[in-house]
């Protein structure tokens, strides 16, 4: 709990941040916020400062405010969840697709560079990344279901997987464009 000067300082910070919500005409300026030479107008008259609201009164005024509306849901998250439900994805397939979307959308810089020795090592790394059992990951990778559906890129014509983790986590461009659409 805050008391004394800490409470006053935090109350002033809240007033300066939430001034519109509190119904103030302008952002309050309190003593000590500005240097002295800024505290005079063009006629060299001292500028009136705002008087801080008593912390108890400020708390009651904030409690009476209507809560802000919740943030709008992500159409991408909704689309990924709907796709997972419609195509009966396993929990690992859903996570794999989310990671792959993020890597395609935001670049492989969001991941460390992890070279993979072979497919077994790739499955082990994916299992750790998604916090899933290794057998579940190996089954999903072996099925190549997400590749066949055209959601994931990577691998050559013979089905060999890329030698870097970022290659295993790469959604196709058409999938990214499709999943970002706002559907009803």
N, C-alpha and C. Protein backbone atom coordinates (compact mmCIF):
# COMPACT_ATOMS: atom_id res chain seq x y z
N UNK A 1 0.84 -1.19 0.00
CA UNK A 1 0.00 0.00 0.00
C UNK A 1 0.88 1.24 0.00
N UNK A 2 0.42 2.25 -0.68
CA UNK A 2 1.14 3.51 -0.75
C UNK A 2 0.63 4.45 0.32
N UNK A 3 1.50 5.27 0.82
CA UNK A 3 1.06 6.31 1.75
C UNK A 3 1.95 7.52 1.59
N UNK A 4 1.55 8.63 2.17
CA UNK A 4 2.34 9.85 2.16
C UNK A 4 2.61 10.35 0.75
N UNK A 5 3.85 10.76 0.53
CA UNK A 5 4.24 11.35 -0.74
C UNK A 5 4.10 10.38 -1.91
N UNK A 6 4.33 9.08 -1.66
CA UNK A 6 4.17 8.09 -2.74
C UNK A 6 2.73 8.06 -3.22
N UNK A 7 1.78 8.09 -2.30
CA UNK A 7 0.36 8.08 -2.66
C UNK A 7 -0.01 9.33 -3.44
N UNK A 8 0.47 10.48 -2.98
CA UNK A 8 0.17 11.73 -3.67
C UNK A 8 0.77 11.72 -5.07
N UNK A 9 2.02 11.27 -5.20
CA UNK A 9 2.68 11.24 -6.51
C UNK A 9 1.92 10.32 -7.48
N UNK A 10 1.52 9.14 -7.02
CA UNK A 10 0.80 8.21 -7.89
C UNK A 10 -0.59 8.73 -8.23
N UNK A 11 -1.25 9.41 -7.29
CA UNK A 11 -2.57 9.99 -7.57
C UNK A 11 -2.45 11.07 -8.64
N UNK A 12 -1.42 11.90 -8.53
CA UNK A 12 -1.20 12.94 -9.54
C UNK A 12 -0.93 12.31 -10.90
N UNK A 13 -0.15 11.23 -10.93
CA UNK A 13 0.13 10.56 -12.20
C UNK A 13 -1.14 10.01 -12.82
N UNK A 14 -2.03 9.47 -11.99
CA UNK A 14 -3.30 8.95 -12.50
C UNK A 14 -4.14 10.09 -13.07
N UNK A 15 -4.18 11.22 -12.35
CA UNK A 15 -4.95 12.36 -12.86
C UNK A 15 -4.40 12.86 -14.19
N UNK A 16 -3.08 12.89 -14.32
CA UNK A 16 -2.50 13.36 -15.57
C UNK A 16 -2.73 12.39 -16.71
N UNK A 17 -2.83 11.10 -16.40
CA UNK A 17 -3.03 10.10 -17.44
C UNK A 17 -4.51 9.96 -17.80
N UNK A 18 -5.39 10.08 -16.85
CA UNK A 18 -6.83 9.82 -17.07
C UNK A 18 -7.66 11.11 -17.06
N UNK A 19 -7.07 12.23 -17.41
CA UNK A 19 -7.76 13.50 -17.28
C UNK A 19 -9.03 13.58 -18.12
N UNK A 20 -9.03 12.99 -19.30
CA UNK A 20 -10.24 13.02 -20.15
C UNK A 20 -11.36 12.23 -19.50
N UNK A 21 -11.03 11.03 -19.01
CA UNK A 21 -12.03 10.17 -18.39
C UNK A 21 -12.61 10.81 -17.14
N UNK A 22 -11.81 11.62 -16.45
CA UNK A 22 -12.27 12.28 -15.22
C UNK A 22 -13.05 13.55 -15.51
N UNK A 23 -13.16 13.93 -16.80
CA UNK A 23 -13.96 15.08 -17.19
C UNK A 23 -13.24 16.41 -17.12
N UNK A 24 -11.91 16.42 -17.03
CA UNK A 24 -11.16 17.67 -16.99
C UNK A 24 -11.12 18.27 -18.39
N UNK A 25 -11.09 19.61 -18.44
CA UNK A 25 -11.02 20.29 -19.73
C UNK A 25 -9.64 20.16 -20.37
N UNK A 26 -8.61 20.07 -19.55
CA UNK A 26 -7.24 19.93 -20.05
C UNK A 26 -6.44 19.10 -19.05
N UNK A 27 -5.30 18.66 -19.50
CA UNK A 27 -4.45 17.86 -18.62
C UNK A 27 -3.94 18.74 -17.48
N UNK A 28 -4.05 18.26 -16.25
CA UNK A 28 -3.60 19.09 -15.12
C UNK A 28 -2.08 19.24 -15.08
N UNK A 29 -1.66 20.41 -14.60
CA UNK A 29 -0.24 20.69 -14.39
C UNK A 29 -0.09 21.01 -12.91
N UNK A 30 0.73 20.23 -12.24
CA UNK A 30 0.90 20.38 -10.81
C UNK A 30 2.23 21.05 -10.50
N UNK A 31 2.34 21.59 -9.31
CA UNK A 31 3.57 22.22 -8.85
C UNK A 31 4.72 21.22 -8.98
N UNK A 32 5.79 21.68 -9.60
CA UNK A 32 6.96 20.82 -9.78
C UNK A 32 6.98 20.10 -11.11
N UNK A 33 5.88 20.14 -11.88
CA UNK A 33 5.85 19.47 -13.19
C UNK A 33 6.67 20.22 -14.23
N UNK A 34 6.68 21.55 -14.12
CA UNK A 34 7.37 22.37 -15.12
C UNK A 34 8.39 23.28 -14.44
N UNK A 35 9.42 23.65 -15.19
CA UNK A 35 10.38 24.61 -14.62
C UNK A 35 9.72 25.96 -14.36
N UNK A 36 10.28 26.74 -13.44
CA UNK A 36 9.69 28.03 -13.05
C UNK A 36 9.49 28.98 -14.22
N UNK A 37 10.45 29.01 -15.18
CA UNK A 37 10.32 29.97 -16.28
C UNK A 37 9.15 29.66 -17.21
N UNK A 38 8.61 28.44 -17.14
CA UNK A 38 7.42 28.12 -17.92
C UNK A 38 6.14 28.42 -17.17
N UNK A 39 6.26 28.82 -15.93
CA UNK A 39 5.07 29.02 -15.09
C UNK A 39 4.58 30.47 -15.12
N UNK A 40 5.02 31.23 -16.12
CA UNK A 40 4.53 32.61 -16.29
C UNK A 40 3.98 32.75 -17.70
N UNK A 41 2.95 33.57 -17.84
CA UNK A 41 2.39 33.79 -19.17
C UNK A 41 3.13 34.93 -19.86
N UNK A 42 2.63 35.40 -21.01
CA UNK A 42 3.32 36.44 -21.80
C UNK A 42 3.39 37.77 -21.06
N UNK A 43 2.47 37.99 -20.13
CA UNK A 43 2.46 39.25 -19.36
C UNK A 43 3.23 39.10 -18.05
N UNK A 44 3.98 38.03 -17.91
CA UNK A 44 4.78 37.74 -16.70
C UNK A 44 3.92 37.49 -15.47
N UNK A 45 2.68 37.09 -15.68
CA UNK A 45 1.81 36.69 -14.56
C UNK A 45 2.00 35.20 -14.30
N UNK A 46 1.96 34.87 -13.04
CA UNK A 46 2.13 33.46 -12.65
C UNK A 46 0.92 32.64 -13.12
N UNK A 47 1.19 31.49 -13.70
CA UNK A 47 0.14 30.62 -14.23
C UNK A 47 -0.45 29.82 -13.08
N UNK A 48 -1.79 29.72 -13.06
CA UNK A 48 -2.46 28.93 -12.02
C UNK A 48 -2.23 27.45 -12.27
N UNK A 49 -1.89 26.77 -11.23
CA UNK A 49 -1.67 25.33 -11.32
C UNK A 49 -2.92 24.59 -10.89
N UNK A 50 -3.03 23.37 -11.32
CA UNK A 50 -4.14 22.53 -10.89
C UNK A 50 -3.90 22.11 -9.44
N UNK A 51 -4.99 21.92 -8.75
CA UNK A 51 -4.90 21.44 -7.37
C UNK A 51 -5.14 19.94 -7.40
N UNK A 52 -4.21 19.15 -6.86
CA UNK A 52 -4.40 17.69 -6.91
C UNK A 52 -5.67 17.29 -6.15
N UNK A 53 -6.35 16.32 -6.69
CA UNK A 53 -7.54 15.78 -6.04
C UNK A 53 -7.11 14.89 -4.89
N UNK A 54 -7.87 14.96 -3.82
CA UNK A 54 -7.58 14.09 -2.67
C UNK A 54 -7.61 12.64 -3.15
N UNK A 55 -6.61 11.83 -2.79
CA UNK A 55 -6.54 10.45 -3.27
C UNK A 55 -7.80 9.62 -3.01
N UNK A 56 -8.47 9.85 -1.88
CA UNK A 56 -9.69 9.08 -1.58
C UNK A 56 -10.80 9.48 -2.54
N UNK A 57 -10.93 10.79 -2.79
CA UNK A 57 -11.94 11.26 -3.74
C UNK A 57 -11.62 10.78 -5.16
N UNK A 58 -10.32 10.83 -5.52
CA UNK A 58 -9.91 10.36 -6.84
C UNK A 58 -10.26 8.89 -7.03
N UNK A 59 -10.01 8.09 -6.00
CA UNK A 59 -10.32 6.66 -6.07
C UNK A 59 -11.82 6.44 -6.26
N UNK A 60 -12.64 7.19 -5.55
CA UNK A 60 -14.10 7.00 -5.70
C UNK A 60 -14.57 7.46 -7.08
N UNK A 61 -13.97 8.53 -7.61
CA UNK A 61 -14.34 8.99 -8.95
C UNK A 61 -13.93 7.96 -10.01
N UNK A 62 -12.74 7.38 -9.85
CA UNK A 62 -12.29 6.35 -10.80
C UNK A 62 -13.16 5.11 -10.70
N UNK A 63 -13.58 4.76 -9.51
CA UNK A 63 -14.43 3.57 -9.34
C UNK A 63 -15.80 3.76 -9.99
N UNK A 64 -16.26 5.01 -10.09
CA UNK A 64 -17.57 5.28 -10.68
C UNK A 64 -17.54 5.33 -12.20
N UNK A 65 -16.35 5.36 -12.79
CA UNK A 65 -16.25 5.41 -14.25
C UNK A 65 -16.71 4.11 -14.88
N UNK A 66 -17.28 4.23 -16.06
CA UNK A 66 -17.64 3.05 -16.83
C UNK A 66 -16.36 2.36 -17.27
N UNK A 67 -16.30 1.05 -17.17
CA UNK A 67 -15.08 0.37 -17.64
C UNK A 67 -14.94 0.50 -19.15
N UNK A 68 -13.70 0.53 -19.60
CA UNK A 68 -13.44 0.60 -21.03
C UNK A 68 -13.93 -0.68 -21.69
N UNK A 69 -14.37 -0.57 -22.94
CA UNK A 69 -14.80 -1.79 -23.63
C UNK A 69 -13.62 -2.73 -23.79
N UNK A 70 -13.89 -4.03 -23.75
CA UNK A 70 -12.78 -4.98 -23.93
C UNK A 70 -12.18 -4.83 -25.32
N UNK A 71 -10.92 -5.16 -25.46
CA UNK A 71 -10.31 -5.04 -26.78
C UNK A 71 -11.00 -5.96 -27.78
N UNK A 72 -11.02 -5.50 -29.01
CA UNK A 72 -11.66 -6.30 -30.06
C UNK A 72 -10.89 -7.61 -30.23
N UNK A 73 -11.62 -8.66 -30.45
CA UNK A 73 -11.00 -9.95 -30.65
C UNK A 73 -10.19 -9.98 -31.94
N UNK A 74 -9.16 -10.74 -31.94
CA UNK A 74 -8.31 -10.85 -33.12
C UNK A 74 -9.01 -11.75 -34.14
N UNK A 75 -9.19 -11.23 -35.35
CA UNK A 75 -9.79 -12.08 -36.37
C UNK A 75 -8.85 -13.23 -36.71
N UNK A 76 -7.54 -13.02 -36.56
CA UNK A 76 -6.58 -14.08 -36.86
C UNK A 76 -6.73 -15.21 -35.85
N UNK A 77 -6.78 -14.85 -34.57
CA UNK A 77 -6.96 -15.86 -33.53
C UNK A 77 -8.27 -16.61 -33.69
N UNK A 78 -9.33 -15.87 -33.99
CA UNK A 78 -10.64 -16.49 -34.19
C UNK A 78 -10.60 -17.42 -35.41
N UNK A 79 -9.99 -16.95 -36.49
CA UNK A 79 -9.91 -17.78 -37.70
C UNK A 79 -9.08 -19.03 -37.45
N UNK A 80 -7.97 -18.91 -36.74
CA UNK A 80 -7.15 -20.08 -36.44
C UNK A 80 -7.90 -21.08 -35.56
N UNK A 81 -8.63 -20.56 -34.56
CA UNK A 81 -9.42 -21.44 -33.69
C UNK A 81 -10.52 -22.15 -34.48
N UNK A 82 -11.20 -21.41 -35.35
CA UNK A 82 -12.27 -22.00 -36.16
C UNK A 82 -11.71 -23.05 -37.11
N UNK A 83 -10.60 -22.75 -37.75
CA UNK A 83 -9.97 -23.70 -38.65
C UNK A 83 -9.57 -24.97 -37.90
N UNK A 84 -9.00 -24.82 -36.73
CA UNK A 84 -8.59 -25.98 -35.93
C UNK A 84 -9.80 -26.84 -35.57
N UNK A 85 -10.90 -26.18 -35.24
CA UNK A 85 -12.12 -26.93 -34.89
C UNK A 85 -12.71 -27.64 -36.11
N UNK A 86 -12.79 -26.91 -37.25
CA UNK A 86 -13.39 -27.49 -38.45
C UNK A 86 -12.58 -28.65 -39.02
N UNK A 87 -11.26 -28.55 -38.95
CA UNK A 87 -10.41 -29.60 -39.51
C UNK A 87 -9.92 -30.59 -38.46
N UNK A 88 -10.46 -30.46 -37.25
CA UNK A 88 -10.14 -31.39 -36.17
C UNK A 88 -8.63 -31.52 -35.95
N UNK A 89 -7.97 -30.36 -35.83
CA UNK A 89 -6.54 -30.36 -35.58
C UNK A 89 -6.25 -30.86 -34.17
N UNK A 90 -5.12 -31.49 -34.02
CA UNK A 90 -4.64 -31.85 -32.68
C UNK A 90 -4.14 -30.57 -32.02
N UNK A 91 -4.01 -30.55 -30.70
CA UNK A 91 -3.46 -29.35 -30.05
C UNK A 91 -2.08 -28.98 -30.61
N UNK A 92 -1.26 -29.98 -30.92
CA UNK A 92 0.05 -29.66 -31.49
C UNK A 92 -0.09 -29.02 -32.87
N UNK A 93 -0.96 -29.56 -33.72
CA UNK A 93 -1.13 -28.97 -35.06
C UNK A 93 -1.57 -27.52 -34.96
N UNK A 94 -2.45 -27.22 -34.01
CA UNK A 94 -2.90 -25.83 -33.83
C UNK A 94 -1.73 -24.94 -33.44
N UNK A 95 -0.91 -25.39 -32.49
CA UNK A 95 0.24 -24.59 -32.07
C UNK A 95 1.26 -24.45 -33.19
N UNK A 96 1.50 -25.53 -33.91
CA UNK A 96 2.45 -25.51 -35.02
C UNK A 96 2.02 -24.48 -36.06
N UNK A 97 0.72 -24.47 -36.35
CA UNK A 97 0.21 -23.53 -37.33
C UNK A 97 0.32 -22.09 -36.83
N UNK A 98 0.06 -21.85 -35.55
CA UNK A 98 0.19 -20.51 -34.98
C UNK A 98 1.63 -20.02 -35.04
N UNK A 99 2.55 -20.88 -34.62
CA UNK A 99 3.97 -20.52 -34.69
C UNK A 99 4.36 -20.22 -36.14
N UNK A 100 3.89 -21.04 -37.05
CA UNK A 100 4.24 -20.88 -38.46
C UNK A 100 3.70 -19.59 -39.02
N UNK A 101 2.47 -19.26 -38.66
CA UNK A 101 1.89 -17.98 -39.09
C UNK A 101 2.76 -16.82 -38.58
N UNK A 102 3.13 -16.87 -37.30
CA UNK A 102 3.92 -15.78 -36.71
C UNK A 102 5.28 -15.64 -37.40
N UNK A 103 5.91 -16.77 -37.69
CA UNK A 103 7.21 -16.71 -38.36
C UNK A 103 7.06 -16.11 -39.75
N UNK A 104 6.03 -16.49 -40.48
CA UNK A 104 5.82 -15.95 -41.83
C UNK A 104 5.48 -14.46 -41.74
N UNK A 105 4.64 -14.10 -40.80
CA UNK A 105 4.15 -12.73 -40.70
C UNK A 105 5.20 -11.77 -40.17
N UNK A 106 5.95 -12.20 -39.14
CA UNK A 106 6.87 -11.30 -38.46
C UNK A 106 8.34 -11.60 -38.74
N UNK A 107 8.59 -12.63 -39.52
CA UNK A 107 9.97 -12.96 -39.89
C UNK A 107 10.60 -13.93 -38.91
N UNK A 108 11.61 -14.60 -39.39
CA UNK A 108 12.27 -15.61 -38.57
C UNK A 108 13.11 -14.99 -37.47
N UNK A 109 13.19 -13.67 -37.41
CA UNK A 109 13.95 -13.00 -36.36
C UNK A 109 13.32 -13.21 -34.98
N UNK A 110 12.05 -13.65 -34.93
CA UNK A 110 11.42 -13.88 -33.64
C UNK A 110 11.91 -15.17 -32.99
N UNK A 111 12.66 -15.96 -33.74
CA UNK A 111 13.22 -17.21 -33.23
C UNK A 111 14.73 -17.18 -33.27
N UNK A 112 15.37 -17.87 -32.35
CA UNK A 112 16.82 -18.00 -32.50
C UNK A 112 17.12 -18.93 -33.68
N UNK A 113 18.30 -18.79 -34.26
CA UNK A 113 18.71 -19.67 -35.36
C UNK A 113 19.05 -21.02 -34.75
N UNK A 114 18.28 -22.03 -35.11
CA UNK A 114 18.50 -23.37 -34.58
C UNK A 114 18.68 -24.33 -35.75
N UNK A 115 19.92 -24.76 -36.01
CA UNK A 115 20.13 -25.75 -37.06
C UNK A 115 19.67 -27.13 -36.57
N UNK A 116 19.08 -27.89 -37.47
CA UNK A 116 18.56 -29.21 -37.12
C UNK A 116 19.41 -30.28 -37.79
N UNK A 117 19.78 -31.30 -37.01
CA UNK A 117 20.61 -32.38 -37.53
C UNK A 117 19.83 -33.30 -38.46
N UNK A 118 18.60 -33.61 -38.04
CA UNK A 118 17.76 -34.52 -38.81
C UNK A 118 16.31 -34.34 -38.38
N UNK A 119 15.43 -35.14 -38.95
CA UNK A 119 14.00 -35.01 -38.64
C UNK A 119 13.71 -35.30 -37.17
N UNK A 120 14.43 -36.25 -36.58
CA UNK A 120 14.21 -36.56 -35.16
C UNK A 120 14.55 -35.36 -34.29
N UNK A 121 15.67 -34.73 -34.58
CA UNK A 121 16.06 -33.54 -33.83
C UNK A 121 15.02 -32.42 -34.04
N UNK A 122 14.52 -32.26 -35.27
CA UNK A 122 13.49 -31.26 -35.54
C UNK A 122 12.23 -31.50 -34.73
N UNK A 123 11.81 -32.76 -34.65
CA UNK A 123 10.62 -33.10 -33.85
C UNK A 123 10.85 -32.82 -32.38
N UNK A 124 12.06 -33.13 -31.90
CA UNK A 124 12.38 -32.87 -30.48
C UNK A 124 12.33 -31.38 -30.17
N UNK A 125 12.86 -30.56 -31.08
CA UNK A 125 12.85 -29.10 -30.87
C UNK A 125 11.41 -28.58 -30.91
N UNK A 126 10.61 -29.05 -31.86
CA UNK A 126 9.21 -28.63 -31.93
C UNK A 126 8.45 -29.05 -30.68
N UNK A 127 8.74 -30.24 -30.18
CA UNK A 127 8.08 -30.72 -28.96
C UNK A 127 8.39 -29.80 -27.79
N UNK A 128 9.64 -29.38 -27.67
CA UNK A 128 10.01 -28.45 -26.60
C UNK A 128 9.36 -27.09 -26.80
N UNK A 129 9.37 -26.60 -28.03
CA UNK A 129 8.80 -25.29 -28.33
C UNK A 129 7.31 -25.24 -28.00
N UNK A 130 6.60 -26.30 -28.33
CA UNK A 130 5.14 -26.32 -28.13
C UNK A 130 4.72 -27.02 -26.84
N UNK A 131 5.69 -27.47 -26.05
CA UNK A 131 5.42 -28.16 -24.80
C UNK A 131 4.46 -29.34 -25.02
N UNK A 132 4.82 -30.18 -25.97
CA UNK A 132 4.02 -31.34 -26.35
C UNK A 132 4.88 -32.60 -26.26
N UNK A 133 4.25 -33.75 -26.10
CA UNK A 133 5.01 -35.01 -26.11
C UNK A 133 5.65 -35.25 -27.49
N UNK A 134 6.83 -35.81 -27.49
CA UNK A 134 7.56 -36.05 -28.72
C UNK A 134 6.82 -36.95 -29.69
N UNK A 135 6.11 -37.98 -29.18
CA UNK A 135 5.37 -38.89 -30.07
C UNK A 135 4.27 -38.14 -30.84
N UNK A 136 3.60 -37.23 -30.17
CA UNK A 136 2.55 -36.45 -30.81
C UNK A 136 3.13 -35.62 -31.95
N UNK A 137 4.28 -35.02 -31.70
CA UNK A 137 4.92 -34.19 -32.72
C UNK A 137 5.39 -35.06 -33.89
N UNK A 138 6.02 -36.18 -33.59
CA UNK A 138 6.50 -37.06 -34.67
C UNK A 138 5.35 -37.54 -35.55
N UNK A 139 4.21 -37.88 -34.94
CA UNK A 139 3.04 -38.33 -35.72
C UNK A 139 2.55 -37.22 -36.64
N UNK A 140 2.47 -35.99 -36.12
CA UNK A 140 1.98 -34.87 -36.92
C UNK A 140 2.95 -34.54 -38.06
N UNK A 141 4.23 -34.57 -37.77
CA UNK A 141 5.23 -34.27 -38.80
C UNK A 141 5.21 -35.35 -39.87
N UNK A 142 5.10 -36.61 -39.45
CA UNK A 142 5.10 -37.73 -40.40
C UNK A 142 3.87 -37.69 -41.31
N UNK A 143 2.75 -37.23 -40.78
CA UNK A 143 1.53 -37.20 -41.60
C UNK A 143 1.60 -36.12 -42.68
N UNK A 144 2.40 -35.09 -42.46
CA UNK A 144 2.52 -33.97 -43.39
C UNK A 144 1.16 -33.36 -43.74
N UNK A 145 0.19 -33.52 -42.85
CA UNK A 145 -1.17 -33.04 -43.08
C UNK A 145 -1.20 -31.53 -43.34
N UNK A 146 -0.51 -30.73 -42.53
CA UNK A 146 -0.54 -29.28 -42.71
C UNK A 146 0.16 -28.85 -43.99
N UNK A 147 1.14 -29.64 -44.43
CA UNK A 147 1.79 -29.36 -45.71
C UNK A 147 0.86 -29.71 -46.87
N UNK A 148 0.20 -30.86 -46.76
CA UNK A 148 -0.70 -31.31 -47.82
C UNK A 148 -1.88 -30.35 -47.99
N UNK A 149 -2.37 -29.80 -46.88
CA UNK A 149 -3.47 -28.85 -46.96
C UNK A 149 -3.02 -27.49 -47.51
N UNK A 150 -1.73 -27.31 -47.68
CA UNK A 150 -1.21 -26.06 -48.23
C UNK A 150 -1.03 -24.97 -47.19
N UNK A 151 -1.02 -25.33 -45.91
CA UNK A 151 -0.86 -24.34 -44.86
C UNK A 151 0.60 -24.07 -44.54
N UNK A 152 1.43 -25.11 -44.62
CA UNK A 152 2.84 -24.97 -44.28
C UNK A 152 3.72 -25.13 -45.51
N UNK A 153 4.75 -24.35 -45.54
CA UNK A 153 5.76 -24.41 -46.57
C UNK A 153 6.92 -25.24 -46.03
N UNK A 154 7.87 -25.57 -46.85
CA UNK A 154 9.05 -26.26 -46.35
C UNK A 154 9.09 -27.70 -46.81
N UNK A 155 10.28 -28.18 -46.90
CA UNK A 155 10.44 -29.55 -47.38
C UNK A 155 10.57 -29.55 -48.89
N UNK A 156 11.25 -30.54 -49.39
CA UNK A 156 11.40 -30.62 -50.84
C UNK A 156 10.41 -31.64 -51.41
N UNK A 157 10.54 -31.93 -52.67
CA UNK A 157 9.61 -32.84 -53.34
C UNK A 157 9.63 -34.24 -52.74
N UNK A 158 10.77 -34.61 -52.16
CA UNK A 158 10.87 -35.94 -51.55
C UNK A 158 10.37 -35.96 -50.11
N UNK A 159 9.94 -34.82 -49.60
CA UNK A 159 9.41 -34.76 -48.24
C UNK A 159 10.47 -34.51 -47.18
N UNK A 160 11.71 -34.24 -47.59
CA UNK A 160 12.76 -33.94 -46.62
C UNK A 160 12.49 -32.56 -46.00
N UNK A 161 12.61 -32.49 -44.69
CA UNK A 161 12.34 -31.25 -43.98
C UNK A 161 13.56 -30.33 -44.03
N UNK A 162 13.34 -29.02 -43.90
CA UNK A 162 14.45 -28.06 -43.93
C UNK A 162 15.44 -28.30 -42.78
N UNK A 163 16.64 -27.75 -42.93
CA UNK A 163 17.69 -27.97 -41.93
C UNK A 163 17.70 -26.91 -40.83
N UNK A 164 16.79 -25.95 -40.88
CA UNK A 164 16.68 -24.92 -39.84
C UNK A 164 15.28 -24.93 -39.26
N UNK A 165 15.14 -24.63 -37.97
CA UNK A 165 13.83 -24.63 -37.33
C UNK A 165 12.88 -23.66 -38.02
N UNK A 166 13.39 -22.50 -38.42
CA UNK A 166 12.52 -21.52 -39.08
C UNK A 166 11.90 -22.08 -40.35
N UNK A 167 12.58 -23.04 -41.01
CA UNK A 167 12.01 -23.68 -42.19
C UNK A 167 10.86 -24.62 -41.85
N UNK A 168 10.88 -25.17 -40.65
CA UNK A 168 9.79 -26.04 -40.19
C UNK A 168 8.58 -25.21 -39.76
N UNK A 169 8.82 -23.95 -39.46
CA UNK A 169 7.76 -23.06 -38.96
C UNK A 169 7.49 -21.95 -39.97
N UNK A 170 7.05 -22.34 -41.15
CA UNK A 170 6.83 -21.34 -42.18
C UNK A 170 5.51 -21.62 -42.88
N UNK A 171 4.54 -20.74 -42.64
CA UNK A 171 3.24 -20.86 -43.30
C UNK A 171 3.37 -20.36 -44.74
N UNK A 172 2.50 -20.85 -45.60
CA UNK A 172 2.52 -20.40 -46.99
C UNK A 172 1.90 -19.00 -47.09
N UNK A 173 2.30 -18.26 -48.11
CA UNK A 173 1.75 -16.91 -48.31
C UNK A 173 0.23 -16.93 -48.52
N UNK A 174 -0.30 -17.86 -49.34
CA UNK A 174 -1.77 -17.88 -49.50
C UNK A 174 -2.50 -18.14 -48.18
N UNK A 175 -1.94 -19.02 -47.34
CA UNK A 175 -2.57 -19.28 -46.04
C UNK A 175 -2.58 -18.02 -45.19
N UNK A 176 -1.47 -17.29 -45.14
CA UNK A 176 -1.39 -16.07 -44.33
C UNK A 176 -2.41 -15.05 -44.80
N UNK A 177 -2.53 -14.87 -46.12
CA UNK A 177 -3.52 -13.91 -46.64
C UNK A 177 -4.94 -14.35 -46.29
N UNK A 178 -5.19 -15.65 -46.40
CA UNK A 178 -6.52 -16.18 -46.13
C UNK A 178 -6.89 -16.06 -44.65
N UNK A 179 -5.95 -16.38 -43.77
CA UNK A 179 -6.27 -16.42 -42.33
C UNK A 179 -6.44 -15.01 -41.76
N UNK A 180 -5.90 -13.98 -42.44
CA UNK A 180 -6.00 -12.62 -41.96
C UNK A 180 -7.30 -11.92 -42.38
N UNK A 181 -8.14 -12.59 -43.16
CA UNK A 181 -9.38 -11.98 -43.62
C UNK A 181 -10.41 -11.95 -42.49
N UNK A 182 -11.16 -10.83 -42.36
CA UNK A 182 -12.21 -10.76 -41.33
C UNK A 182 -13.49 -11.44 -41.82
N UNK A 183 -13.71 -12.65 -41.39
CA UNK A 183 -14.92 -13.39 -41.78
C UNK A 183 -16.01 -13.16 -40.76
N UNK A 184 -17.25 -13.24 -41.19
CA UNK A 184 -18.39 -13.12 -40.25
C UNK A 184 -18.50 -14.38 -39.43
